[in-house]
Structure formats: structure tokens, C-alpha cells
Amino acid sequence: MTSSRVTIEEVAAAAGVSRSTVSRVVNGSTAVSPEALAAVNRAIAEMHYVPNRAARSLASRQTHAIALVVPEETTRFFGDPFFAEIVSGITGALRASDYLLNLLIASDDPGDKVSAFVRNGGVDGALIVSHHTSDVFIDRIVNAVPVVYGGRPVRRREGDYVVDVDNVAGALVATRRLIDIGRTRIATISGPLTMVSSNDRLQGFRTALADAGLVPFVEEEGDYTEASGTAAARRVLAAGRPDAIFVASDLMARGALIALRSAGIRVPEDIAIVGFDDSTAAPTTEPPLTTVRQPMYALGEAMATVLLERLAGRSPERTTILPTELVVRASG
């Protein structure tokens, strides 16, 4: 059954509730029992229901607003320079348009508030970044409004629009840098493996080692936060003594430096470090961080530009890949 054929009455019948209860759920009201909420959300998901107001908005009633949907905790969003640069690029691209940006931060959406807001006509389109395998509520957003992903989605579908960097190539260059300076016992601290970017960077790391006839010294997983980098670096040291670590984000690399310093290990003399992002954290570490630059401002700018093209009825490229670049400093 397609969303164009499903009415609110049919959803109510499938859920065994009244029409007004369904209306309250799709409008994000909390005046609904947990049982009714679960029943309605289950019916909405199974029937792929999109509220009529959202359909009218897409057809004629523009809000002149777009959403940036970030499935992360607020502490991660506001603590990571990556997101600040992305938002700057998006707002730069929107400056000459009539569109305003709505920021929707949700590490999980069990009450369906974020997706209900989008599906109910709150915005004309959405940009989605930092998505994980568990973020199933995103599928309901994609079914309601035009969407552009920043980074490849976990479940890519035919017709998706994606703006990304070449994470595999960036990690490949980072690891080759460590090999080129003579390191052979090379560990990595990856991002969360629920994300495509993390798996791509891990793939680049492994490929560079295999090309050089080496194997990973050890692989540990973080979550792109500084604290997780510190904890993962301690686990690396517990496994032995590598002579280099490729860390999949600058914040985690900064955390790793804390762990190494507290263990009396010199960087880069004892262990060389290469990060990823070239965020504002990279030049301020001690020593300054060798890292892979991804053009974060340009990433946000390109995402917004592609979405504006879609909202204007044009047909932009479905996939845009931006290059990365190695920035050599003192850490490796």
C-alpha cells in the first residue's frame, strides 16, 4: 500500500484507535497513552502513511524552511567542531535563498517527534548527517520530503542524493604516511562501526597496510568523542606497544594524546599519530596533529545546494564526492 492511498482513517482503523488519536500522534502531542502511541506508530510504519498536510506542503504550500537532522546526543553535536563547520557551510549556501534552517537533534526518536514534525509539513526538505544503523526513524523522513544525506546512508536506496568525502582514500593516505615514516606496528582507533564513514576509514587503513605487506597491530573502536579516544588508546597500549596509531577523528586523536602522555609515551618519537578531519582541534594539540583534511564547510555548502536544486524542481547529481588532503604537522 503506498502513502498516497493511505488515509488517516485507515491508519486509525489499523491501530484500533480514533482518528483524533492518530492526529495527535502525527502532530507530536504527548496527550496519548503509550499503548496508543505504539499502535499508531506501528500502523504508520507498516502502511507508509504520510500526512496529507505534508503532501500539500510538497505540492504547493511551501514553508521555506529546511531541517538539518542530526541523530546524535546534544553533547556530541555541540562538542564536535565538525558539526559547526557543516552548519556554517549550510547557512552560507542558504544565505541567498528564501529558506531558513531548522536544527533537529535526536540520537533516537522513539516518540517519533522529529519525524512527525517533518512528515506533518514542518519543512520543505531535510539534510541528514551522522546517521547510524539504529536510526530507523530516518526512513520515515525520507518517505515524506526531499532529502540530501551528508555521508552515505547506512541503507542506501535507488534515488538517494548523497554528498560525501572519499573516506577510504583519506584513511589510505593517512596510513601510508605512517608507513612512509618507517612505522610498521600500526594500530587504529575507528569511529563507531554503526556508521558508513567509520567502516570506510577502517577499510582504507587495512588496504594501506595490506599493500605494504603489514597487518593491523590492533583495532579499537571509539565514538568520535575525545573521551572515547582516550579510552581506546589505553586499550591499544594494554595490547602491547605500537609505533603508530591512525585515529579516525581529530577529537579522538586529542583524547589518544592524553592517554599516551599520561603513560609517559612521546609523540611522535615513540608513537606517531595521524588523525582525520583537520578540525580546529588539530593545530592546537601538543604536538600539533598531522591529519587528513576533509572540507567540512564545503560539505555543508554542497548538501544545501543540492537540496535547493531539488526543491526548485531541477535534477542535480545524485552523488557528490569531495576530495581529502593530508596535512602534515608534528605528530606523525
C-alpha atoms as a PDB file:
ATOM      1  CA  MET A   1       0.000   0.000   0.000  1.00  0.00           C
ATOM      2  CA  THR A   2       1.560   3.358  -0.982  1.00  0.00           C
ATOM      3  CA  SER A   3       1.490   6.523   1.069  1.00  0.00           C
ATOM      4  CA  SER A   4      -0.739   8.326  -1.499  1.00  0.00           C
ATOM      5  CA  ARG A   5      -3.567   5.810  -0.924  1.00  0.00           C
ATOM      6  CA  VAL A   6      -3.467   5.717   2.854  1.00  0.00           C
ATOM      7  CA  THR A   7      -5.812   7.985   4.804  1.00  0.00           C
ATOM      8  CA  ILE A   8      -5.741   8.948   8.442  1.00  0.00           C
ATOM      9  CA  GLU A   9      -8.964   6.976   8.890  1.00  0.00           C
ATOM     10  CA  GLU A  10      -7.298   3.823   7.568  1.00  0.00           C
ATOM     11  CA  VAL A  11      -4.383   4.299   9.971  1.00  0.00           C
ATOM     12  CA  ALA A  12      -6.849   4.753  12.841  1.00  0.00           C
ATOM     13  CA  ALA A  13      -8.673   1.560  11.882  1.00  0.00           C
ATOM     14  CA  ALA A  14      -5.442  -0.435  11.631  1.00  0.00           C
ATOM     15  CA  ALA A  15      -4.274   0.857  15.009  1.00  0.00           C
ATOM     16  CA  GLY A  16      -7.652   0.362  16.668  1.00  0.00           C
ATOM     17  CA  VAL A  17      -7.847   3.994  17.810  1.00  0.00           C
ATOM     18  CA  SER A  18      -9.823   7.103  16.897  1.00  0.00           C
ATOM     19  CA  ARG A  19      -8.962   9.495  14.089  1.00  0.00           C
ATOM     20  CA  SER A  20      -8.220  12.214  16.653  1.00  0.00           C
ATOM     21  CA  THR A  21      -5.687   9.978  18.383  1.00  0.00           C
ATOM     22  CA  VAL A  22      -3.824   9.461  15.116  1.00  0.00           C
ATOM     23  CA  SER A  23      -3.935  13.220  14.532  1.00  0.00           C
ATOM     24  CA  ARG A  24      -2.442  13.871  17.959  1.00  0.00           C
ATOM     25  CA  VAL A  25       0.376  11.398  17.310  1.00  0.00           C
ATOM     26  CA  VAL A  26       1.346  12.829  13.923  1.00  0.00           C
ATOM     27  CA  ASN A  27       1.304  16.330  15.412  1.00  0.00           C
ATOM     28  CA  GLY A  28       3.701  15.284  18.173  1.00  0.00           C
ATOM     29  CA  SER A  29       1.249  15.624  21.060  1.00  0.00           C
ATOM     30  CA  THR A  30       2.152  13.926  24.351  1.00  0.00           C
ATOM     31  CA  ALA A  31      -1.536  13.511  25.280  1.00  0.00           C
ATOM     32  CA  VAL A  32      -1.568   9.922  24.013  1.00  0.00           C
ATOM     33  CA  SER A  33      -1.207   6.726  26.025  1.00  0.00           C
ATOM     34  CA  PRO A  34       1.976   4.682  25.448  1.00  0.00           C
ATOM     35  CA  GLU A  35      -0.121   1.815  24.091  1.00  0.00           C
ATOM     36  CA  ALA A  36      -1.954   4.019  21.589  1.00  0.00           C
ATOM     37  CA  LEU A  37       1.295   5.725  20.581  1.00  0.00           C
ATOM     38  CA  ALA A  38       2.929   2.378  19.865  1.00  0.00           C
ATOM     39  CA  ALA A  39      -0.094   1.127  17.911  1.00  0.00           C
ATOM     40  CA  VAL A  40      -0.312   4.264  15.764  1.00  0.00           C
ATOM     41  CA  ASN A  41       3.413   4.372  15.050  1.00  0.00           C
ATOM     42  CA  ARG A  42       3.330   0.698  14.095  1.00  0.00           C
ATOM     43  CA  ALA A  43       0.423   1.302  11.702  1.00  0.00           C
ATOM     44  CA  ILE A  44       2.145   4.372  10.216  1.00  0.00           C
ATOM     45  CA  ALA A  45       5.338   2.409   9.596  1.00  0.00           C
ATOM     46  CA  GLU A  46       3.583  -0.630   8.147  1.00  0.00           C
ATOM     47  CA  MET A  47       1.291   1.411   5.905  1.00  0.00           C
ATOM     48  CA  HIS A  48       3.930   4.022   4.925  1.00  0.00           C
ATOM     49  CA  TYR A  49       1.482   6.760   5.818  1.00  0.00           C
ATOM     50  CA  VAL A  50       2.375  10.383   5.038  1.00  0.00           C
ATOM     51  CA  PRO A  51       0.011  13.029   6.477  1.00  0.00           C
ATOM     52  CA  ASN A  52      -1.968  14.999   3.891  1.00  0.00           C
ATOM     53  CA  ARG A  53      -0.590  18.260   5.190  1.00  0.00           C
ATOM     54  CA  ALA A  54       2.923  17.160   4.240  1.00  0.00           C
ATOM     55  CA  ALA A  55       1.731  16.193   0.776  1.00  0.00           C
ATOM     56  CA  ARG A  56       0.044  19.566   0.321  1.00  0.00           C
ATOM     57  CA  SER A  57       3.194  21.289   1.500  1.00  0.00           C
ATOM     58  CA  LEU A  58       5.258  19.451  -1.075  1.00  0.00           C
ATOM     59  CA  ALA A  59       2.777  20.252  -3.832  1.00  0.00           C
ATOM     60  CA  SER A  60       2.016  23.911  -3.192  1.00  0.00           C
ATOM     61  CA  ARG A  61       2.257  25.163   0.393  1.00  0.00           C
ATOM     62  CA  GLN A  62       5.938  25.829   0.986  1.00  0.00           C
ATOM     63  CA  THR A  63       7.243  26.541   4.467  1.00  0.00           C
ATOM     64  CA  HIS A  64      10.539  27.971   3.146  1.00  0.00           C
ATOM     65  CA  ALA A  65      12.287  26.029   5.877  1.00  0.00           C
ATOM     66  CA  ILE A  66      14.579  23.024   5.714  1.00  0.00           C
ATOM     67  CA  ALA A  67      15.673  20.738   8.538  1.00  0.00           C
ATOM     68  CA  LEU A  68      19.161  19.636   9.455  1.00  0.00           C
ATOM     69  CA  VAL A  69      18.545  16.281  11.152  1.00  0.00           C
ATOM     70  CA  VAL A  70      21.423  15.092  13.349  1.00  0.00           C
ATOM     71  CA  PRO A  71      20.873  11.697  15.017  1.00  0.00           C
ATOM     72  CA  GLU A  72      23.326  12.391  17.868  1.00  0.00           C
ATOM     73  CA  GLU A  73      23.284  13.461  21.501  1.00  0.00           C
ATOM     74  CA  THR A  74      23.364  17.234  22.021  1.00  0.00           C
ATOM     75  CA  THR A  75      26.689  16.972  23.863  1.00  0.00           C
ATOM     76  CA  ARG A  76      28.313  15.385  20.803  1.00  0.00           C
ATOM     77  CA  PHE A  77      26.754  17.883  18.402  1.00  0.00           C
ATOM     78  CA  PHE A  78      27.858  20.970  20.314  1.00  0.00           C
ATOM     79  CA  GLY A  79      31.226  19.488  21.302  1.00  0.00           C
ATOM     80  CA  ASP A  80      32.454  18.479  17.841  1.00  0.00           C
ATOM     81  CA  PRO A  81      33.891  21.179  15.513  1.00  0.00           C
ATOM     82  CA  PHE A  82      32.839  19.026  12.549  1.00  0.00           C
ATOM     83  CA  PHE A  83      29.189  19.973  13.044  1.00  0.00           C
ATOM     84  CA  ALA A  84      29.950  23.678  13.456  1.00  0.00           C
ATOM     85  CA  GLU A  85      31.670  23.718  10.068  1.00  0.00           C
ATOM     86  CA  ILE A  86      28.839  21.749   8.445  1.00  0.00           C
ATOM     87  CA  VAL A  87      26.243  24.224   9.779  1.00  0.00           C
ATOM     88  CA  SER A  88      28.364  27.171   8.600  1.00  0.00           C
ATOM     89  CA  GLY A  89      28.500  25.721   5.092  1.00  0.00           C
ATOM     90  CA  ILE A  90      24.754  25.084   5.036  1.00  0.00           C
ATOM     91  CA  THR A  91      23.867  28.586   6.211  1.00  0.00           C
ATOM     92  CA  GLY A  92      26.320  30.036   3.699  1.00  0.00           C
ATOM     93  CA  ALA A  93      24.522  28.261   0.868  1.00  0.00           C
ATOM     94  CA  LEU A  94      21.088  29.303   2.173  1.00  0.00           C
ATOM     95  CA  ARG A  95      22.023  32.958   2.618  1.00  0.00           C
ATOM     96  CA  ALA A  96      20.966  33.978  -0.878  1.00  0.00           C
ATOM     97  CA  SER A  97      17.783  31.883  -0.771  1.00  0.00           C
ATOM     98  CA  ASP A  98      14.417  32.322   0.945  1.00  0.00           C
ATOM     99  CA  TYR A  99      14.977  29.266   3.145  1.00  0.00           C
ATOM    100  CA  LEU A 100      15.590  29.142   6.885  1.00  0.00           C
ATOM    101  CA  LEU A 101      17.370  26.296   8.678  1.00  0.00           C
ATOM    102  CA  ASN A 102      15.707  24.265  11.447  1.00  0.00           C
ATOM    103  CA  LEU A 103      18.065  22.183  13.586  1.00  0.00           C
ATOM    104  CA  LEU A 104      16.634  18.847  14.778  1.00  0.00           C
ATOM    105  CA  ILE A 105      18.970  16.900  17.094  1.00  0.00           C
ATOM    106  CA  ALA A 106      17.794  13.416  18.024  1.00  0.00           C
ATOM    107  CA  SER A 107      20.024  10.490  18.964  1.00  0.00           C
ATOM    108  CA  ASP A 108      16.899   8.350  18.878  1.00  0.00           C
ATOM    109  CA  ASP A 109      13.279   9.182  18.107  1.00  0.00           C
ATOM    110  CA  PRO A 110      11.211   6.613  19.987  1.00  0.00           C
ATOM    111  CA  GLY A 111       8.261   9.008  20.272  1.00  0.00           C
ATOM    112  CA  ASP A 112       8.555   9.890  16.577  1.00  0.00           C
ATOM    113  CA  LYS A 113       8.553  13.609  17.395  1.00  0.00           C
ATOM    114  CA  VAL A 114      11.232  14.588  14.887  1.00  0.00           C
ATOM    115  CA  SER A 115       9.894  12.519  12.016  1.00  0.00           C
ATOM    116  CA  ALA A 116       6.302  13.556  12.794  1.00  0.00           C
ATOM    117  CA  PHE A 117       7.306  17.220  12.629  1.00  0.00           C
ATOM    118  CA  VAL A 118       8.930  16.703   9.237  1.00  0.00           C
ATOM    119  CA  ARG A 119       6.193  14.457   7.862  1.00  0.00           C
ATOM    120  CA  ASN A 120       3.491  16.837   9.030  1.00  0.00           C
ATOM    121  CA  GLY A 121       4.703  19.643   6.789  1.00  0.00           C
ATOM    122  CA  GLY A 122       7.035  21.475   9.177  1.00  0.00           C
ATOM    123  CA  VAL A 123       9.736  21.811   6.498  1.00  0.00           C
ATOM    124  CA  ASP A 124      10.068  21.522   2.731  1.00  0.00           C
ATOM    125  CA  GLY A 125      13.132  19.277   2.793  1.00  0.00           C
ATOM    126  CA  ALA A 126      15.801  17.807   5.051  1.00  0.00           C
ATOM    127  CA  LEU A 127      19.547  17.367   5.313  1.00  0.00           C
ATOM    128  CA  ILE A 128      20.699  14.339   7.330  1.00  0.00           C
ATOM    129  CA  VAL A 129      24.191  13.874   8.761  1.00  0.00           C
ATOM    130  CA  SER A 130      25.887  11.432  11.157  1.00  0.00           C
ATOM    131  CA  HIS A 131      23.402   8.600  10.808  1.00  0.00           C
ATOM    132  CA  HIS A 132      23.748   5.128  12.352  1.00  0.00           C
ATOM    133  CA  THR A 133      22.305   1.706  11.622  1.00  0.00           C
ATOM    134  CA  SER A 134      19.856   2.132  14.516  1.00  0.00           C
ATOM    135  CA  ASP A 135      18.334   5.356  13.182  1.00  0.00           C
ATOM    136  CA  VAL A 136      15.271   3.758  11.579  1.00  0.00           C
ATOM    137  CA  PHE A 137      13.142   6.877  12.083  1.00  0.00           C
ATOM    138  CA  ILE A 138      15.100   8.464   9.233  1.00  0.00           C
ATOM    139  CA  ASP A 139      13.274   6.205   6.768  1.00  0.00           C
ATOM    140  CA  ARG A 140      10.012   7.960   7.679  1.00  0.00           C
ATOM    141  CA  ILE A 141      11.588  11.347   6.911  1.00  0.00           C
ATOM    142  CA  VAL A 142      12.897  10.156   3.544  1.00  0.00           C
ATOM    143  CA  ASN A 143       9.402   8.981   2.603  1.00  0.00           C
ATOM    144  CA  ALA A 144       7.927  12.418   3.335  1.00  0.00           C
ATOM    145  CA  VAL A 145      10.185  15.173   1.962  1.00  0.00           C
ATOM    146  CA  PRO A 146      13.163  15.606  -0.374  1.00  0.00           C
ATOM    147  CA  VAL A 147      16.320  14.607   1.500  1.00  0.00           C
ATOM    148  CA  VAL A 148      20.056  15.027   0.940  1.00  0.00           C
ATOM    149  CA  TYR A 149      22.456  12.915   3.002  1.00  0.00           C
ATOM    150  CA  GLY A 150      25.779  14.179   4.276  1.00  0.00           C
ATOM    151  CA  GLY A 151      27.722  10.928   4.102  1.00  0.00           C
ATOM    152  CA  ARG A 152      26.448   7.720   2.550  1.00  0.00           C
ATOM    153  CA  PRO A 153      23.361   6.389   4.329  1.00  0.00           C
ATOM    154  CA  VAL A 154      23.500   3.024   6.048  1.00  0.00           C
ATOM    155  CA  ARG A 155      20.669   1.723   3.854  1.00  0.00           C
ATOM    156  CA  ARG A 156      21.134   3.482   0.539  1.00  0.00           C
ATOM    157  CA  ARG A 157      18.190   3.317  -1.812  1.00  0.00           C
ATOM    158  CA  GLU A 158      17.857   3.996  -5.511  1.00  0.00           C
ATOM    159  CA  GLY A 159      17.202   7.689  -5.915  1.00  0.00           C
ATOM    160  CA  ASP A 160      19.031   8.875  -2.771  1.00  0.00           C
ATOM    161  CA  TYR A 161      21.038  12.104  -3.004  1.00  0.00           C
ATOM    162  CA  VAL A 162      24.392  11.977  -1.203  1.00  0.00           C
ATOM    163  CA  VAL A 163      27.240  14.415  -0.585  1.00  0.00           C
ATOM    164  CA  ASP A 164      30.325  12.799   0.936  1.00  0.00           C
ATOM    165  CA  VAL A 165      34.103  12.811   1.083  1.00  0.00           C
ATOM    166  CA  ASP A 166      36.286   9.923  -0.038  1.00  0.00           C
ATOM    167  CA  ASN A 167      36.794   8.397   3.394  1.00  0.00           C
ATOM    168  CA  VAL A 168      38.554   5.303   2.056  1.00  0.00           C
ATOM    169  CA  ALA A 169      41.125   7.370   0.164  1.00  0.00           C
ATOM    170  CA  GLY A 170      41.645   9.693   3.132  1.00  0.00           C
ATOM    171  CA  ALA A 171      42.377   6.817   5.516  1.00  0.00           C
ATOM    172  CA  LEU A 172      44.607   5.203   2.893  1.00  0.00           C
ATOM    173  CA  VAL A 173      46.735   8.366   2.643  1.00  0.00           C
ATOM    174  CA  ALA A 174      46.858   8.739   6.442  1.00  0.00           C
ATOM    175  CA  THR A 175      48.089   5.177   6.953  1.00  0.00           C
ATOM    176  CA  ARG A 176      50.585   5.415   4.097  1.00  0.00           C
ATOM    177  CA  ARG A 177      52.027   8.476   5.794  1.00  0.00           C
ATOM    178  CA  LEU A 178      52.769   6.382   8.874  1.00  0.00           C
ATOM    179  CA  ILE A 179      54.287   3.616   6.733  1.00  0.00           C
ATOM    180  CA  ASP A 180      56.400   6.137   4.804  1.00  0.00           C
ATOM    181  CA  ILE A 181      57.991   7.454   8.022  1.00  0.00           C
ATOM    182  CA  GLY A 182      59.063   3.912   8.881  1.00  0.00           C
ATOM    183  CA  ARG A 183      56.303   2.695  11.201  1.00  0.00           C
ATOM    184  CA  THR A 184      55.351  -0.989  10.991  1.00  0.00           C
ATOM    185  CA  ARG A 185      53.318  -1.736  14.151  1.00  0.00           C
ATOM    186  CA  ILE A 186      50.342   0.422  13.307  1.00  0.00           C
ATOM    187  CA  ALA A 187      47.102   0.426  15.297  1.00  0.00           C
ATOM    188  CA  THR A 188      43.861   2.231  14.583  1.00  0.00           C
ATOM    189  CA  ILE A 189      41.067   3.793  16.601  1.00  0.00           C
ATOM    190  CA  SER A 190      37.976   3.715  14.393  1.00  0.00           C
ATOM    191  CA  GLY A 191      34.735   5.599  14.719  1.00  0.00           C
ATOM    192  CA  PRO A 192      31.527   3.738  15.624  1.00  0.00           C
ATOM    193  CA  LEU A 193      31.096   0.839  13.232  1.00  0.00           C
ATOM    194  CA  THR A 194      27.370   1.581  13.025  1.00  0.00           C
ATOM    195  CA  MET A 195      28.366   4.378  10.608  1.00  0.00           C
ATOM    196  CA  VAL A 196      29.424   4.042   6.976  1.00  0.00           C
ATOM    197  CA  SER A 197      32.186   6.648   7.329  1.00  0.00           C
ATOM    198  CA  SER A 198      33.822   4.652  10.124  1.00  0.00           C
ATOM    199  CA  ASN A 199      33.800   1.454   8.088  1.00  0.00           C
ATOM    200  CA  ASP A 200      35.186   3.273   5.045  1.00  0.00           C
ATOM    201  CA  ARG A 201      38.089   4.692   7.077  1.00  0.00           C
ATOM    202  CA  LEU A 202      38.768   1.268   8.547  1.00  0.00           C
ATOM    203  CA  GLN A 203      38.808  -0.168   5.034  1.00  0.00           C
ATOM    204  CA  GLY A 204      41.332   2.449   3.890  1.00  0.00           C
ATOM    205  CA  PHE A 205      43.546   1.686   6.894  1.00  0.00           C
ATOM    206  CA  ARG A 206      43.504  -2.054   6.231  1.00  0.00           C
ATOM    207  CA  THR A 207      44.127  -1.622   2.493  1.00  0.00           C
ATOM    208  CA  ALA A 208      47.190   0.563   3.058  1.00  0.00           C
ATOM    209  CA  LEU A 209      48.669  -1.990   5.443  1.00  0.00           C
ATOM    210  CA  ALA A 210      47.923  -4.912   3.121  1.00  0.00           C
ATOM    211  CA  ASP A 211      49.538  -3.072   0.202  1.00  0.00           C
ATOM    212  CA  ALA A 212      52.699  -2.730   2.325  1.00  0.00           C
ATOM    213  CA  GLY A 213      52.639  -6.369   3.464  1.00  0.00           C
ATOM    214  CA  LEU A 214      51.639  -5.409   7.013  1.00  0.00           C
ATOM    215  CA  VAL A 215      48.762  -6.360   9.280  1.00  0.00           C
ATOM    216  CA  PRO A 216      46.956  -4.183  11.835  1.00  0.00           C
ATOM    217  CA  PHE A 217      48.715  -4.132  15.210  1.00  0.00           C
ATOM    218  CA  VAL A 218      45.324  -3.765  16.896  1.00  0.00           C
ATOM    219  CA  GLU A 219      41.961  -2.182  16.050  1.00  0.00           C
ATOM    220  CA  GLU A 220      39.889  -0.401  18.684  1.00  0.00           C
ATOM    221  CA  GLU A 221      36.551   1.371  18.304  1.00  0.00           C
ATOM    222  CA  GLY A 222      35.586   4.822  19.575  1.00  0.00           C
ATOM    223  CA  ASP A 223      32.581   7.070  19.039  1.00  0.00           C
ATOM    224  CA  TYR A 224      34.234  10.208  17.600  1.00  0.00           C
ATOM    225  CA  THR A 225      34.477  11.866  21.043  1.00  0.00           C
ATOM    226  CA  GLU A 226      37.629  12.868  22.879  1.00  0.00           C
ATOM    227  CA  ALA A 227      36.838  10.645  25.865  1.00  0.00           C
ATOM    228  CA  SER A 228      36.411   7.600  23.653  1.00  0.00           C
ATOM    229  CA  GLY A 229      39.799   8.313  22.069  1.00  0.00           C
ATOM    230  CA  THR A 230      41.450   8.321  25.486  1.00  0.00           C
ATOM    231  CA  ALA A 231      39.762   5.050  26.481  1.00  0.00           C
ATOM    232  CA  ALA A 232      40.550   3.354  23.149  1.00  0.00           C
ATOM    233  CA  ALA A 233      44.210   4.439  23.292  1.00  0.00           C
ATOM    234  CA  ARG A 234      44.506   2.852  26.727  1.00  0.00           C
ATOM    235  CA  ARG A 235      43.126  -0.382  25.293  1.00  0.00           C
ATOM    236  CA  VAL A 236      45.661  -0.187  22.459  1.00  0.00           C
ATOM    237  CA  LEU A 237      48.506   0.159  24.977  1.00  0.00           C
ATOM    238  CA  ALA A 238      47.135  -2.734  27.013  1.00  0.00           C
ATOM    239  CA  ALA A 239      47.546  -4.921  23.907  1.00  0.00           C
ATOM    240  CA  GLY A 240      51.232  -4.014  23.547  1.00  0.00           C
ATOM    241  CA  ARG A 241      53.282  -1.153  22.158  1.00  0.00           C
ATOM    242  CA  PRO A 242      52.546   0.014  18.620  1.00  0.00           C
ATOM    243  CA  ASP A 243      54.794   2.552  16.953  1.00  0.00           C
ATOM    244  CA  ALA A 244      51.911   4.435  15.281  1.00  0.00           C
ATOM    245  CA  ILE A 245      48.147   4.937  15.507  1.00  0.00           C
ATOM    246  CA  PHE A 246      45.767   6.125  12.825  1.00  0.00           C
ATOM    247  CA  VAL A 247      42.821   7.741  14.621  1.00  0.00           C
ATOM    248  CA  ALA A 248      39.609   8.262  12.643  1.00  0.00           C
ATOM    249  CA  SER A 249      38.861  11.757  14.005  1.00  0.00           C
ATOM    250  CA  ASP A 250      40.815  14.673  15.438  1.00  0.00           C
ATOM    251  CA  LEU A 251      38.798  14.720  18.667  1.00  0.00           C
ATOM    252  CA  MET A 252      39.579  11.063  19.302  1.00  0.00           C
ATOM    253  CA  ALA A 253      43.227  11.742  18.414  1.00  0.00           C
ATOM    254  CA  ARG A 254      43.322  14.522  21.002  1.00  0.00           C
ATOM    255  CA  GLY A 255      41.964  12.056  23.532  1.00  0.00           C
ATOM    256  CA  ALA A 256      44.567   9.485  22.475  1.00  0.00           C
ATOM    257  CA  LEU A 257      47.336  12.021  23.049  1.00  0.00           C
ATOM    258  CA  ILE A 258      46.111  12.444  26.626  1.00  0.00           C
ATOM    259  CA  ALA A 259      46.382   8.691  27.231  1.00  0.00           C
ATOM    260  CA  LEU A 260      49.844   8.490  25.673  1.00  0.00           C
ATOM    261  CA  ARG A 261      51.117  11.459  27.652  1.00  0.00           C
ATOM    262  CA  SER A 262      49.843  10.012  30.917  1.00  0.00           C
ATOM    263  CA  ALA A 263      51.691   6.770  30.103  1.00  0.00           C
ATOM    264  CA  GLY A 264      54.962   8.642  29.552  1.00  0.00           C
ATOM    265  CA  ILE A 265      54.975   7.977  25.821  1.00  0.00           C
ATOM    266  CA  ARG A 266      56.496  10.565  23.486  1.00  0.00           C
ATOM    267  CA  VAL A 267      54.745  11.618  20.273  1.00  0.00           C
ATOM    268  CA  PRO A 268      55.982  11.152  17.595  1.00  0.00           C
ATOM    269  CA  GLU A 269      59.261   9.670  18.866  1.00  0.00           C
ATOM    270  CA  ASP A 270      57.682   6.578  20.449  1.00  0.00           C
ATOM    271  CA  ILE A 271      54.276   6.526  18.773  1.00  0.00           C
ATOM    272  CA  ALA A 272      53.291   8.626  15.761  1.00  0.00           C
ATOM    273  CA  ILE A 273      49.680   9.792  15.455  1.00  0.00           C
ATOM    274  CA  VAL A 274      47.622  10.778  12.387  1.00  0.00           C
ATOM    275  CA  GLY A 275      44.036  11.985  12.764  1.00  0.00           C
ATOM    276  CA  PHE A 276      41.162  12.774  10.428  1.00  0.00           C
ATOM    277  CA  ASP A 277      39.134  15.984   9.798  1.00  0.00           C
ATOM    278  CA  ASP A 278      41.654  18.849  10.170  1.00  0.00           C
ATOM    279  CA  SER A 279      39.190  20.457  12.543  1.00  0.00           C
ATOM    280  CA  THR A 280      40.041  23.371  14.824  1.00  0.00           C
ATOM    281  CA  ALA A 281      41.311  20.790  17.342  1.00  0.00           C
ATOM    282  CA  ALA A 282      44.170  19.610  15.094  1.00  0.00           C
ATOM    283  CA  PRO A 283      46.621  22.539  15.261  1.00  0.00           C
ATOM    284  CA  THR A 284      46.026  23.099  18.986  1.00  0.00           C
ATOM    285  CA  THR A 285      47.112  19.678  20.287  1.00  0.00           C
ATOM    286  CA  GLU A 286      50.565  19.048  21.741  1.00  0.00           C
ATOM    287  CA  PRO A 287      52.242  18.261  19.429  1.00  0.00           C
ATOM    288  CA  PRO A 288      50.115  19.700  16.584  1.00  0.00           C
ATOM    289  CA  LEU A 289      48.280  16.928  14.797  1.00  0.00           C
ATOM    290  CA  THR A 290      49.077  15.501  11.396  1.00  0.00           C
ATOM    291  CA  THR A 291      45.655  14.778   9.937  1.00  0.00           C
ATOM    292  CA  VAL A 292      43.506  14.295   6.868  1.00  0.00           C
ATOM    293  CA  ARG A 293      41.600  17.407   5.888  1.00  0.00           C
ATOM    294  CA  GLN A 294      38.017  16.924   4.812  1.00  0.00           C
ATOM    295  CA  PRO A 295      36.361  20.114   3.500  1.00  0.00           C
ATOM    296  CA  MET A 296      33.647  20.345   6.133  1.00  0.00           C
ATOM    297  CA  TYR A 297      32.365  23.815   5.172  1.00  0.00           C
ATOM    298  CA  ALA A 298      32.235  22.778   1.507  1.00  0.00           C
ATOM    299  CA  LEU A 299      30.422  19.577   2.520  1.00  0.00           C
ATOM    300  CA  GLY A 300      27.635  21.533   4.229  1.00  0.00           C
ATOM    301  CA  GLU A 301      27.513  24.037   1.382  1.00  0.00           C
ATOM    302  CA  ALA A 302      27.203  21.285  -1.238  1.00  0.00           C
ATOM    303  CA  MET A 303      24.480  19.471   0.728  1.00  0.00           C
ATOM    304  CA  ALA A 304      22.360  22.613   0.923  1.00  0.00           C
ATOM    305  CA  THR A 305      22.983  23.469  -2.735  1.00  0.00           C
ATOM    306  CA  VAL A 306      21.829  20.023  -3.896  1.00  0.00           C
ATOM    307  CA  LEU A 307      18.687  20.276  -1.748  1.00  0.00           C
ATOM    308  CA  LEU A 308      17.889  23.761  -3.081  1.00  0.00           C
ATOM    309  CA  GLU A 309      18.229  22.389  -6.598  1.00  0.00           C
ATOM    310  CA  ARG A 310      15.792  19.601  -5.787  1.00  0.00           C
ATOM    311  CA  LEU A 311      13.288  21.982  -4.207  1.00  0.00           C
ATOM    312  CA  ALA A 312      13.471  24.163  -7.313  1.00  0.00           C
ATOM    313  CA  GLY A 313      12.455  21.177  -9.451  1.00  0.00           C
ATOM    314  CA  ARG A 314      15.869  20.644 -11.017  1.00  0.00           C
ATOM    315  CA  SER A 315      17.860  17.404 -11.194  1.00  0.00           C
ATOM    316  CA  PRO A 316      21.306  17.709  -9.580  1.00  0.00           C
ATOM    317  CA  GLU A 317      23.862  14.904  -9.481  1.00  0.00           C
ATOM    318  CA  ARG A 318      22.773  12.155  -7.126  1.00  0.00           C
ATOM    319  CA  THR A 319      26.272  11.633  -5.713  1.00  0.00           C
ATOM    320  CA  THR A 320      28.841  14.336  -4.966  1.00  0.00           C
ATOM    321  CA  ILE A 321      32.239  13.220  -3.640  1.00  0.00           C
ATOM    322  CA  LEU A 322      34.634  15.845  -2.271  1.00  0.00           C
ATOM    323  CA  PRO A 323      38.402  15.215  -2.029  1.00  0.00           C
ATOM    324  CA  THR A 324      40.505  14.875   1.116  1.00  0.00           C
ATOM    325  CA  GLU A 325      44.068  16.096   1.705  1.00  0.00           C
ATOM    326  CA  LEU A 326      46.876  15.125   4.080  1.00  0.00           C
ATOM    327  CA  VAL A 327      48.073  17.948   6.352  1.00  0.00           C
ATOM    328  CA  VAL A 328      51.470  17.183   7.885  1.00  0.00           C
ATOM    329  CA  ARG A 329      52.276  18.634  11.298  1.00  0.00           C
ATOM    330  CA  ALA A 330      54.438  17.393  14.157  1.00  0.00           C
ATOM    331  CA  SER A 331      52.580  14.296  15.450  1.00  0.00           C
ATOM    332  CA  GLY A 332      53.433  11.952  12.619  1.00  0.00           C
END
